[in-house]
Structures are given as C-alpha cells and as structure tokens.
Amino acid sequence: MDKTIVTRLLELVEPLAALSISHLTATTRQKLANDDLSVNVYPNDYGGFVYVGAPPYTVPAESDMAMIFEAARLAGIVWLKFDSDAAIVDGLPIFEETDPL
C-alpha cells in the first residue's frame, strides 16, 4: 500500500474518547437513545457517539453533557463514545440509571 495514503489518513484523525454512559443522567441517556440530544449524536445499542467538534460545535443544553464537553474541549477530544462497558472517568459525576436530573 502507498505510504502517502496512510500518512494522509493519519492527518485526518479526529480524537475520540470512550467513557461510561453512567456519566449521563437517566434523562440524557434516554435522549441519547432517542437521538434527541441538543447536539449531534449517533445512538447505538450500548450508548452512542457524540460529536464535540474542534473547536466545539455547540454547547449542549443538557448540563451533564455540557460538563463533559468542556473537559473534552480542554483535552482536544472531537468525538465522545458513550458505552455501558467503557471506563469511568475519575472526577466526572456518576448517575444511576434511575437518577432524575
């Protein structure tokens, strides 16, 4: 394979962080599943992908998501992957599935 293809693909990389869906409130989790968040989202069976952007595309209306977006912006993360099996991030709040806002 031509090395220029690999080099070009690496130039197009957008950083992604995978984190536990438990960092989202029950309400935000439901909005994620229903593709009804205030930001661009791509739901799947285990959570979903959320576009942060670089610089951030928008500020989420959901306060739990807004806090995560701010951390992602500071870390240079462009995409967030929320997954039930992903890591819990120390310092971010954790919500039970039945927690209200």
PDB file of N, CA and C in Angstrom:
ATOM      1  N   MET A   1       0.843  -1.173   0.000  1.00  0.00           N
ATOM      2  CA  MET A   1       0.000   0.000   0.000  1.00  0.00           C
ATOM      3  C   MET A   1       0.894   1.245   0.000  1.00  0.00           C
ATOM      4  N   ASP A   2       0.443   2.250  -0.691  1.00  0.00           N
ATOM      5  CA  ASP A   2       1.150   3.522  -0.797  1.00  0.00           C
ATOM      6  C   ASP A   2       1.184   4.217   0.570  1.00  0.00           C
ATOM      7  N   LYS A   3       2.393   4.581   1.039  1.00  0.00           N
ATOM      8  CA  LYS A   3       2.534   5.223   2.352  1.00  0.00           C
ATOM      9  C   LYS A   3       1.848   6.585   2.409  1.00  0.00           C
ATOM     10  N   THR A   4       1.673   7.228   1.278  1.00  0.00           N
ATOM     11  CA  THR A   4       1.016   8.537   1.299  1.00  0.00           C
ATOM     12  C   THR A   4      -0.442   8.422   1.717  1.00  0.00           C
ATOM     13  N   ILE A   5      -1.051   7.276   1.415  1.00  0.00           N
ATOM     14  CA  ILE A   5      -2.440   7.055   1.845  1.00  0.00           C
ATOM     15  C   ILE A   5      -2.496   6.991   3.367  1.00  0.00           C
ATOM     16  N   VAL A   6      -1.583   6.228   3.952  1.00  0.00           N
ATOM     17  CA  VAL A   6      -1.545   6.098   5.410  1.00  0.00           C
ATOM     18  C   VAL A   6      -1.239   7.444   6.049  1.00  0.00           C
ATOM     19  N   THR A   7      -0.285   8.160   5.498  1.00  0.00           N
ATOM     20  CA  THR A   7       0.068   9.479   6.026  1.00  0.00           C
ATOM     21  C   THR A   7      -1.129  10.416   5.963  1.00  0.00           C
ATOM     22  N   ARG A   8      -1.819  10.414   4.858  1.00  0.00           N
ATOM     23  CA  ARG A   8      -2.985  11.288   4.698  1.00  0.00           C
ATOM     24  C   ARG A   8      -4.094  10.910   5.667  1.00  0.00           C
ATOM     25  N   LEU A   9      -4.333   9.608   5.844  1.00  0.00           N
ATOM     26  CA  LEU A   9      -5.348   9.164   6.798  1.00  0.00           C
ATOM     27  C   LEU A   9      -5.003   9.621   8.212  1.00  0.00           C
ATOM     28  N   LEU A  10      -3.746   9.541   8.582  1.00  0.00           N
ATOM     29  CA  LEU A  10      -3.326   9.994   9.908  1.00  0.00           C
ATOM     30  C   LEU A  10      -3.525  11.491  10.085  1.00  0.00           C
ATOM     31  N   GLU A  11      -3.404  12.243   9.005  1.00  0.00           N
ATOM     32  CA  GLU A  11      -3.657  13.688   9.065  1.00  0.00           C
ATOM     33  C   GLU A  11      -5.138  13.991   9.314  1.00  0.00           C
ATOM     34  N   LEU A  12      -6.005  13.046   9.003  1.00  0.00           N
ATOM     35  CA  LEU A  12      -7.447  13.238   9.127  1.00  0.00           C
ATOM     36  C   LEU A  12      -8.028  12.677  10.431  1.00  0.00           C
ATOM     37  N   VAL A  13      -7.176  12.164  11.283  1.00  0.00           N
ATOM     38  CA  VAL A  13      -7.632  11.574  12.538  1.00  0.00           C
ATOM     39  C   VAL A  13      -8.291  12.624  13.426  1.00  0.00           C
ATOM     40  N   GLU A  14      -9.413  12.252  14.023  1.00  0.00           N
ATOM     41  CA  GLU A  14     -10.098  13.093  14.998  1.00  0.00           C
ATOM     42  C   GLU A  14     -10.133  12.322  16.319  1.00  0.00           C
ATOM     43  N   PRO A  15      -9.574  12.893  17.391  1.00  0.00           N
ATOM     44  CA  PRO A  15      -9.502  12.176  18.669  1.00  0.00           C
ATOM     45  C   PRO A  15     -10.876  11.815  19.221  1.00  0.00           C
ATOM     46  N   LEU A  16     -10.975  10.585  19.716  1.00  0.00           N
ATOM     47  CA  LEU A  16     -12.196  10.063  20.296  1.00  0.00           C
ATOM     48  C   LEU A  16     -11.882   9.546  21.696  1.00  0.00           C
ATOM     49  N   ALA A  17     -12.761   9.811  22.643  1.00  0.00           N
ATOM     50  CA  ALA A  17     -12.634   9.253  23.985  1.00  0.00           C
ATOM     51  C   ALA A  17     -13.860   8.397  24.267  1.00  0.00           C
ATOM     52  N   ALA A  18     -13.628   7.188  24.769  1.00  0.00           N
ATOM     53  CA  ALA A  18     -14.716   6.294  25.157  1.00  0.00           C
ATOM     54  C   ALA A  18     -14.892   6.393  26.665  1.00  0.00           C
ATOM     55  N   LEU A  19     -16.122   6.698  27.088  1.00  0.00           N
ATOM     56  CA  LEU A  19     -16.382   6.783  28.515  1.00  0.00           C
ATOM     57  C   LEU A  19     -17.724   6.165  28.856  1.00  0.00           C
ATOM     58  N   SER A  20     -17.860   5.825  30.113  1.00  0.00           N
ATOM     59  CA  SER A  20     -19.047   5.137  30.596  1.00  0.00           C
ATOM     60  C   SER A  20     -20.297   5.989  30.425  1.00  0.00           C
ATOM     61  N   ILE A  21     -21.356   5.321  30.031  1.00  0.00           N
ATOM     62  CA  ILE A  21     -22.650   6.001  29.907  1.00  0.00           C
ATOM     63  C   ILE A  21     -23.182   6.400  31.279  1.00  0.00           C
ATOM     64  N   SER A  22     -22.588   5.864  32.335  1.00  0.00           N
ATOM     65  CA  SER A  22     -23.020   6.218  33.687  1.00  0.00           C
ATOM     66  C   SER A  22     -22.683   7.666  34.039  1.00  0.00           C
ATOM     67  N   HIS A  23     -21.919   8.350  33.193  1.00  0.00           N
ATOM     68  CA  HIS A  23     -21.640   9.773  33.398  1.00  0.00           C
ATOM     69  C   HIS A  23     -22.799  10.650  32.925  1.00  0.00           C
ATOM     70  N   LEU A  24     -23.833  10.030  32.374  1.00  0.00           N
ATOM     71  CA  LEU A  24     -25.007  10.763  31.909  1.00  0.00           C
ATOM     72  C   LEU A  24     -26.194  10.463  32.807  1.00  0.00           C
ATOM     73  N   THR A  25     -27.024  11.480  33.040  1.00  0.00           N
ATOM     74  CA  THR A  25     -28.245  11.259  33.809  1.00  0.00           C
ATOM     75  C   THR A  25     -29.179  10.343  33.022  1.00  0.00           C
ATOM     76  N   ALA A  26     -30.159   9.794  33.712  1.00  0.00           N
ATOM     77  CA  ALA A  26     -31.142   8.933  33.053  1.00  0.00           C
ATOM     78  C   ALA A  26     -31.850   9.680  31.928  1.00  0.00           C
ATOM     79  N   THR A  27     -32.146  10.949  32.148  1.00  0.00           N
ATOM     80  CA  THR A  27     -32.818  11.756  31.125  1.00  0.00           C
ATOM     81  C   THR A  27     -31.941  11.919  29.891  1.00  0.00           C
ATOM     82  N   THR A  28     -30.663  12.225  30.104  1.00  0.00           N
ATOM     83  CA  THR A  28     -29.743  12.398  28.971  1.00  0.00           C
ATOM     84  C   THR A  28     -29.513  11.075  28.256  1.00  0.00           C
ATOM     85  N   ARG A  29     -29.432   9.987  29.000  1.00  0.00           N
ATOM     86  CA  ARG A  29     -29.278   8.656  28.372  1.00  0.00           C
ATOM     87  C   ARG A  29     -30.458   8.372  27.447  1.00  0.00           C
ATOM     88  N   GLN A  30     -31.655   8.700  27.921  1.00  0.00           N
ATOM     89  CA  GLN A  30     -32.851   8.470  27.102  1.00  0.00           C
ATOM     90  C   GLN A  30     -32.831   9.344  25.860  1.00  0.00           C
ATOM     91  N   LYS A  31     -32.424  10.599  26.022  1.00  0.00           N
ATOM     92  CA  LYS A  31     -32.309  11.488  24.866  1.00  0.00           C
ATOM     93  C   LYS A  31     -31.270  10.966  23.876  1.00  0.00           C
ATOM     94  N   LEU A  32     -30.172  10.435  24.388  1.00  0.00           N
ATOM     95  CA  LEU A  32     -29.146   9.846  23.522  1.00  0.00           C
ATOM     96  C   LEU A  32     -29.735   8.677  22.736  1.00  0.00           C
ATOM     97  N   ALA A  33     -30.431   7.800  23.423  1.00  0.00           N
ATOM     98  CA  ALA A  33     -31.026   6.631  22.767  1.00  0.00           C
ATOM     99  C   ALA A  33     -32.057   7.026  21.718  1.00  0.00           C
ATOM    100  N   ASN A  34     -32.759   8.129  21.974  1.00  0.00           N
ATOM    101  CA  ASN A  34     -33.817   8.579  21.059  1.00  0.00           C
ATOM    102  C   ASN A  34     -33.313   9.555  19.996  1.00  0.00           C
ATOM    103  N   ASP A  35     -31.997   9.795  19.966  1.00  0.00           N
ATOM    104  CA  ASP A  35     -31.417  10.772  19.039  1.00  0.00           C
ATOM    105  C   ASP A  35     -32.090  12.131  19.219  1.00  0.00           C
ATOM    106  N   ASP A  36     -32.243  12.531  20.482  1.00  0.00           N
ATOM    107  CA  ASP A  36     -32.969  13.748  20.806  1.00  0.00           C
ATOM    108  C   ASP A  36     -32.135  14.713  21.660  1.00  0.00           C
ATOM    109  N   LEU A  37     -30.816  14.571  21.651  1.00  0.00           N
ATOM    110  CA  LEU A  37     -29.953  15.491  22.386  1.00  0.00           C
ATOM    111  C   LEU A  37     -29.865  16.827  21.660  1.00  0.00           C
ATOM    112  N   SER A  38     -29.406  17.832  22.355  1.00  0.00           N
ATOM    113  CA  SER A  38     -29.267  19.166  21.762  1.00  0.00           C
ATOM    114  C   SER A  38     -28.023  19.281  20.892  1.00  0.00           C
ATOM    115  N   VAL A  39     -27.240  18.210  20.793  1.00  0.00           N
ATOM    116  CA  VAL A  39     -26.028  18.173  19.968  1.00  0.00           C
ATOM    117  C   VAL A  39     -26.110  16.991  19.007  1.00  0.00           C
ATOM    118  N   ASN A  40     -25.176  16.916  18.076  1.00  0.00           N
ATOM    119  CA  ASN A  40     -25.177  15.823  17.098  1.00  0.00           C
ATOM    120  C   ASN A  40     -24.815  14.505  17.770  1.00  0.00           C
ATOM    121  N   VAL A  41     -25.655  13.508  17.572  1.00  0.00           N
ATOM    122  CA  VAL A  41     -25.489  12.220  18.222  1.00  0.00           C
ATOM    123  C   VAL A  41     -25.810  11.090  17.255  1.00  0.00           C
ATOM    124  N   TYR A  42     -25.123   9.974  17.454  1.00  0.00           N
ATOM    125  CA  TYR A  42     -25.327   8.772  16.649  1.00  0.00           C
ATOM    126  C   TYR A  42     -25.523   7.612  17.618  1.00  0.00           C
ATOM    127  N   PRO A  43     -26.768   7.345  18.022  1.00  0.00           N
ATOM    128  CA  PRO A  43     -27.012   6.306  19.029  1.00  0.00           C
ATOM    129  C   PRO A  43     -26.741   4.904  18.493  1.00  0.00           C
ATOM    130  N   ASN A  44     -26.425   3.997  19.433  1.00  0.00           N
ATOM    131  CA  ASN A  44     -26.310   2.580  19.115  1.00  0.00           C
ATOM    132  C   ASN A  44     -26.903   1.793  20.287  1.00  0.00           C
ATOM    133  N   ASP A  45     -26.781   0.486  20.261  1.00  0.00           N
ATOM    134  CA  ASP A  45     -27.398  -0.357  21.287  1.00  0.00           C
ATOM    135  C   ASP A  45     -26.771  -0.198  22.671  1.00  0.00           C
ATOM    136  N   TYR A  46     -25.578   0.343  22.756  1.00  0.00           N
ATOM    137  CA  TYR A  46     -24.855   0.410  24.022  1.00  0.00           C
ATOM    138  C   TYR A  46     -24.639   1.824  24.526  1.00  0.00           C
ATOM    139  N   GLY A  47     -25.059   2.816  23.777  1.00  0.00           N
ATOM    140  CA  GLY A  47     -24.838   4.222  24.113  1.00  0.00           C
ATOM    141  C   GLY A  47     -24.899   5.027  22.838  1.00  0.00           C
ATOM    142  N   GLY A  48     -23.732   5.521  22.411  1.00  0.00           N
ATOM    143  CA  GLY A  48     -23.704   6.246  21.158  1.00  0.00           C
ATOM    144  C   GLY A  48     -22.497   7.145  21.027  1.00  0.00           C
ATOM    145  N   PHE A  49     -22.350   7.713  19.854  1.00  0.00           N
ATOM    146  CA  PHE A  49     -21.275   8.643  19.549  1.00  0.00           C
ATOM    147  C   PHE A  49     -21.839  10.061  19.545  1.00  0.00           C
ATOM    148  N   VAL A  50     -21.073  10.977  20.112  1.00  0.00           N
ATOM    149  CA  VAL A  50     -21.492  12.365  20.184  1.00  0.00           C
ATOM    150  C   VAL A  50     -20.377  13.223  19.595  1.00  0.00           C
ATOM    151  N   TYR A  51     -20.751  14.112  18.701  1.00  0.00           N
ATOM    152  CA  TYR A  51     -19.785  14.995  18.057  1.00  0.00           C
ATOM    153  C   TYR A  51     -19.575  16.237  18.916  1.00  0.00           C
ATOM    154  N   VAL A  52     -18.331  16.441  19.338  1.00  0.00           N
ATOM    155  CA  VAL A  52     -17.962  17.630  20.105  1.00  0.00           C
ATOM    156  C   VAL A  52     -17.521  18.735  19.149  1.00  0.00           C
ATOM    157  N   GLY A  53     -16.645  18.376  18.206  1.00  0.00           N
ATOM    158  CA  GLY A  53     -16.093  19.337  17.265  1.00  0.00           C
ATOM    159  C   GLY A  53     -14.788  19.927  17.777  1.00  0.00           C
ATOM    160  N   ALA A  54     -14.097  20.607  16.897  1.00  0.00           N
ATOM    161  CA  ALA A  54     -12.831  21.266  17.268  1.00  0.00           C
ATOM    162  C   ALA A  54     -12.697  22.533  16.438  1.00  0.00           C
ATOM    163  N   PRO A  55     -12.982  23.691  16.952  1.00  0.00           N
ATOM    164  CA  PRO A  55     -13.460  23.927  18.317  1.00  0.00           C
ATOM    165  C   PRO A  55     -14.853  23.344  18.481  1.00  0.00           C
ATOM    166  N   PRO A  56     -15.331  23.248  19.739  1.00  0.00           N
ATOM    167  CA  PRO A  56     -16.644  22.632  19.952  1.00  0.00           C
ATOM    168  C   PRO A  56     -17.709  23.217  19.036  1.00  0.00           C
ATOM    169  N   TYR A  57     -18.474  22.326  18.470  1.00  0.00           N
ATOM    170  CA  TYR A  57     -19.524  22.674  17.507  1.00  0.00           C
ATOM    171  C   TYR A  57     -20.615  23.517  18.159  1.00  0.00           C
ATOM    172  N   THR A  58     -21.012  23.131  19.360  1.00  0.00           N
ATOM    173  CA  THR A  58     -22.061  23.831  20.102  1.00  0.00           C
ATOM    174  C   THR A  58     -21.935  23.474  21.573  1.00  0.00           C
ATOM    175  N   VAL A  59     -22.637  24.185  22.415  1.00  0.00           N
ATOM    176  CA  VAL A  59     -22.683  23.868  23.848  1.00  0.00           C
ATOM    177  C   VAL A  59     -23.987  23.123  24.110  1.00  0.00           C
ATOM    178  N   PRO A  60     -23.913  21.931  24.684  1.00  0.00           N
ATOM    179  CA  PRO A  60     -25.134  21.166  24.940  1.00  0.00           C
ATOM    180  C   PRO A  60     -26.057  21.865  25.929  1.00  0.00           C
ATOM    181  N   ALA A  61     -27.345  21.707  25.747  1.00  0.00           N
ATOM    182  CA  ALA A  61     -28.334  22.223  26.691  1.00  0.00           C
ATOM    183  C   ALA A  61     -28.379  21.366  27.954  1.00  0.00           C
ATOM    184  N   GLU A  62     -28.012  20.100  27.842  1.00  0.00           N
ATOM    185  CA  GLU A  62     -28.009  19.178  28.972  1.00  0.00           C
ATOM    186  C   GLU A  62     -26.779  19.463  29.840  1.00  0.00           C
ATOM    187  N   SER A  63     -26.986  19.784  31.110  1.00  0.00           N
ATOM    188  CA  SER A  63     -25.868  20.210  31.968  1.00  0.00           C
ATOM    189  C   SER A  63     -24.827  19.122  32.176  1.00  0.00           C
ATOM    190  N   ASP A  64     -25.238  17.861  32.275  1.00  0.00           N
ATOM    191  CA  ASP A  64     -24.255  16.785  32.434  1.00  0.00           C
ATOM    192  C   ASP A  64     -23.384  16.660  31.180  1.00  0.00           C
ATOM    193  N   MET A  65     -24.001  16.773  30.029  1.00  0.00           N
ATOM    194  CA  MET A  65     -23.259  16.700  28.768  1.00  0.00           C
ATOM    195  C   MET A  65     -22.377  17.936  28.588  1.00  0.00           C
ATOM    196  N   ALA A  66     -22.850  19.098  29.007  1.00  0.00           N
ATOM    197  CA  ALA A  66     -22.067  20.336  28.880  1.00  0.00           C
ATOM    198  C   ALA A  66     -20.770  20.238  29.669  1.00  0.00           C
ATOM    199  N   MET A  67     -20.819  19.652  30.865  1.00  0.00           N
ATOM    200  CA  MET A  67     -19.610  19.494  31.681  1.00  0.00           C
ATOM    201  C   MET A  67     -18.608  18.568  30.977  1.00  0.00           C
ATOM    202  N   ILE A  68     -19.104  17.509  30.387  1.00  0.00           N
ATOM    203  CA  ILE A  68     -18.231  16.573  29.672  1.00  0.00           C
ATOM    204  C   ILE A  68     -17.649  17.242  28.431  1.00  0.00           C
ATOM    205  N   PHE A  69     -18.455  18.041  27.725  1.00  0.00           N
ATOM    206  CA  PHE A  69     -17.958  18.765  26.548  1.00  0.00           C
ATOM    207  C   PHE A  69     -16.819  19.703  26.928  1.00  0.00           C
ATOM    208  N   GLU A  70     -16.944  20.371  28.066  1.00  0.00           N
ATOM    209  CA  GLU A  70     -15.889  21.293  28.490  1.00  0.00           C
ATOM    210  C   GLU A  70     -14.590  20.533  28.742  1.00  0.00           C
ATOM    211  N   ALA A  71     -14.678  19.381  29.409  1.00  0.00           N
ATOM    212  CA  ALA A  71     -13.491  18.564  29.636  1.00  0.00           C
ATOM    213  C   ALA A  71     -12.919  18.066  28.303  1.00  0.00           C
ATOM    214  N   ALA A  72     -13.803  17.655  27.390  1.00  0.00           N
ATOM    215  CA  ALA A  72     -13.356  17.181  26.071  1.00  0.00           C
ATOM    216  C   ALA A  72     -12.654  18.297  25.306  1.00  0.00           C
ATOM    217  N   ARG A  73     -13.201  19.504  25.376  1.00  0.00           N
ATOM    218  CA  ARG A  73     -12.576  20.649  24.693  1.00  0.00           C
ATOM    219  C   ARG A  73     -11.170  20.883  25.223  1.00  0.00           C
ATOM    220  N   LEU A  74     -11.018  20.861  26.533  1.00  0.00           N
ATOM    221  CA  LEU A  74      -9.702  21.078  27.140  1.00  0.00           C
ATOM    222  C   LEU A  74      -8.708  19.975  26.769  1.00  0.00           C
ATOM    223  N   ALA A  75      -9.228  18.761  26.551  1.00  0.00           N
ATOM    224  CA  ALA A  75      -8.374  17.620  26.196  1.00  0.00           C
ATOM    225  C   ALA A  75      -8.151  17.485  24.692  1.00  0.00           C
ATOM    226  N   GLY A  76      -8.828  18.309  23.887  1.00  0.00           N
ATOM    227  CA  GLY A  76      -8.688  18.208  22.439  1.00  0.00           C
ATOM    228  C   GLY A  76      -9.458  17.047  21.835  1.00  0.00           C
ATOM    229  N   ILE A  77     -10.491  16.570  22.518  1.00  0.00           N
ATOM    230  CA  ILE A  77     -11.320  15.453  22.039  1.00  0.00           C
ATOM    231  C   ILE A  77     -12.378  15.982  21.080  1.00  0.00           C
ATOM    232  N   VAL A  78     -12.547  15.324  19.956  1.00  0.00           N
ATOM    233  CA  VAL A  78     -13.514  15.735  18.939  1.00  0.00           C
ATOM    234  C   VAL A  78     -14.778  14.879  18.990  1.00  0.00           C
ATOM    235  N   TRP A  79     -14.637  13.625  19.379  1.00  0.00           N
ATOM    236  CA  TRP A  79     -15.767  12.694  19.455  1.00  0.00           C
ATOM    237  C   TRP A  79     -15.801  12.045  20.832  1.00  0.00           C
ATOM    238  N   LEU A  80     -17.005  11.816  21.342  1.00  0.00           N
ATOM    239  CA  LEU A  80     -17.200  11.060  22.572  1.00  0.00           C
ATOM    240  C   LEU A  80     -17.977   9.800  22.226  1.00  0.00           C
ATOM    241  N   LYS A  81     -17.522   8.700  22.774  1.00  0.00           N
ATOM    242  CA  LYS A  81     -18.249   7.438  22.620  1.00  0.00           C
ATOM    243  C   LYS A  81     -18.741   7.048  24.008  1.00  0.00           C
ATOM    244  N   PHE A  82     -20.055   7.064  24.188  1.00  0.00           N
ATOM    245  CA  PHE A  82     -20.641   6.625  25.445  1.00  0.00           C
ATOM    246  C   PHE A  82     -21.010   5.162  25.298  1.00  0.00           C
ATOM    247  N   ASP A  83     -20.545   4.360  26.252  1.00  0.00           N
ATOM    248  CA  ASP A  83     -20.728   2.919  26.166  1.00  0.00           C
ATOM    249  C   ASP A  83     -20.913   2.364  27.569  1.00  0.00           C
ATOM    250  N   SER A  84     -21.803   1.408  27.708  1.00  0.00           N
ATOM    251  CA  SER A  84     -22.062   0.811  29.013  1.00  0.00           C
ATOM    252  C   SER A  84     -20.841   0.071  29.558  1.00  0.00           C
ATOM    253  N   ASP A  85     -19.924  -0.354  28.704  1.00  0.00           N
ATOM    254  CA  ASP A  85     -18.734  -1.084  29.145  1.00  0.00           C
ATOM    255  C   ASP A  85     -17.464  -0.233  29.156  1.00  0.00           C
ATOM    256  N   ALA A  86     -17.569   1.040  28.830  1.00  0.00           N
ATOM    257  CA  ALA A  86     -16.379   1.901  28.770  1.00  0.00           C
ATOM    258  C   ALA A  86     -15.969   2.352  30.173  1.00  0.00           C
ATOM    259  N   ALA A  87     -14.812   2.957  30.246  1.00  0.00           N
ATOM    260  CA  ALA A  87     -14.217   3.366  31.512  1.00  0.00           C
ATOM    261  C   ALA A  87     -14.971   4.517  32.173  1.00  0.00           C
ATOM    262  N   ILE A  88     -14.945   4.487  33.485  1.00  0.00           N
ATOM    263  CA  ILE A  88     -15.435   5.603  34.283  1.00  0.00           C
ATOM    264  C   ILE A  88     -14.267   6.576  34.433  1.00  0.00           C
ATOM    265  N   VAL A  89     -14.530   7.854  34.260  1.00  0.00           N
ATOM    266  CA  VAL A  89     -13.505   8.889  34.338  1.00  0.00           C
ATOM    267  C   VAL A  89     -13.548   9.520  35.725  1.00  0.00           C
ATOM    268  N   ASP A  90     -12.457   9.376  36.464  1.00  0.00           N
ATOM    269  CA  ASP A  90     -12.375   9.988  37.785  1.00  0.00           C
ATOM    270  C   ASP A  90     -12.630  11.482  37.682  1.00  0.00           C
ATOM    271  N   GLY A  91     -13.441  11.995  38.592  1.00  0.00           N
ATOM    272  CA  GLY A  91     -13.742  13.417  38.623  1.00  0.00           C
ATOM    273  C   GLY A  91     -15.048  13.791  37.956  1.00  0.00           C
ATOM    274  N   LEU A  92     -15.556  12.934  37.068  1.00  0.00           N
ATOM    275  CA  LEU A  92     -16.867  13.193  36.462  1.00  0.00           C
ATOM    276  C   LEU A  92     -17.944  12.539  37.315  1.00  0.00           C
ATOM    277  N   PRO A  93     -19.095  13.176  37.459  1.00  0.00           N
ATOM    278  CA  PRO A  93     -20.186  12.571  38.239  1.00  0.00           C
ATOM    279  C   PRO A  93     -20.643  11.253  37.614  1.00  0.00           C
ATOM    280  N   ILE A  94     -21.178  10.394  38.474  1.00  0.00           N
ATOM    281  CA  ILE A  94     -21.745   9.126  38.038  1.00  0.00           C
ATOM    282  C   ILE A  94     -23.209   9.113  38.455  1.00  0.00           C
ATOM    283  N   PHE A  95     -24.066   8.692  37.541  1.00  0.00           N
ATOM    284  CA  PHE A  95     -25.504   8.659  37.784  1.00  0.00           C
ATOM    285  C   PHE A  95     -26.008   7.233  37.625  1.00  0.00           C
ATOM    286  N   GLU A  96     -26.945   6.858  38.471  1.00  0.00           N
ATOM    287  CA  GLU A  96     -27.599   5.567  38.331  1.00  0.00           C
ATOM    288  C   GLU A  96     -28.612   5.656  37.190  1.00  0.00           C
ATOM    289  N   GLU A  97     -29.017   4.529  36.677  1.00  0.00           N
ATOM    290  CA  GLU A  97     -29.967   4.525  35.554  1.00  0.00           C
ATOM    291  C   GLU A  97     -31.284   5.190  35.898  1.00  0.00           C
ATOM    292  N   THR A  98     -31.642   5.214  37.158  1.00  0.00           N
ATOM    293  CA  THR A  98     -32.936   5.763  37.558  1.00  0.00           C
ATOM    294  C   THR A  98     -32.818   7.159  38.149  1.00  0.00           C
ATOM    295  N   ASP A  99     -31.620   7.738  38.166  1.00  0.00           N
ATOM    296  CA  ASP A  99     -31.438   9.080  38.729  1.00  0.00           C
ATOM    297  C   ASP A  99     -32.223  10.106  37.938  1.00  0.00           C
ATOM    298  N   PRO A 100     -32.921  11.007  38.627  1.00  0.00           N
ATOM    299  CA  PRO A 100     -33.529  12.136  37.924  1.00  0.00           C
ATOM    300  C   PRO A 100     -32.457  13.147  37.597  1.00  0.00           C
ATOM    301  N   LEU A 101     -32.842  14.234  36.921  1.00  0.00           N
ATOM    302  CA  LEU A 101     -31.897  15.308  36.624  1.00  0.00           C
ATOM    303  C   LEU A 101     -31.210  15.679  37.889  1.00  0.00           C
TER     304      LEU A 101
END
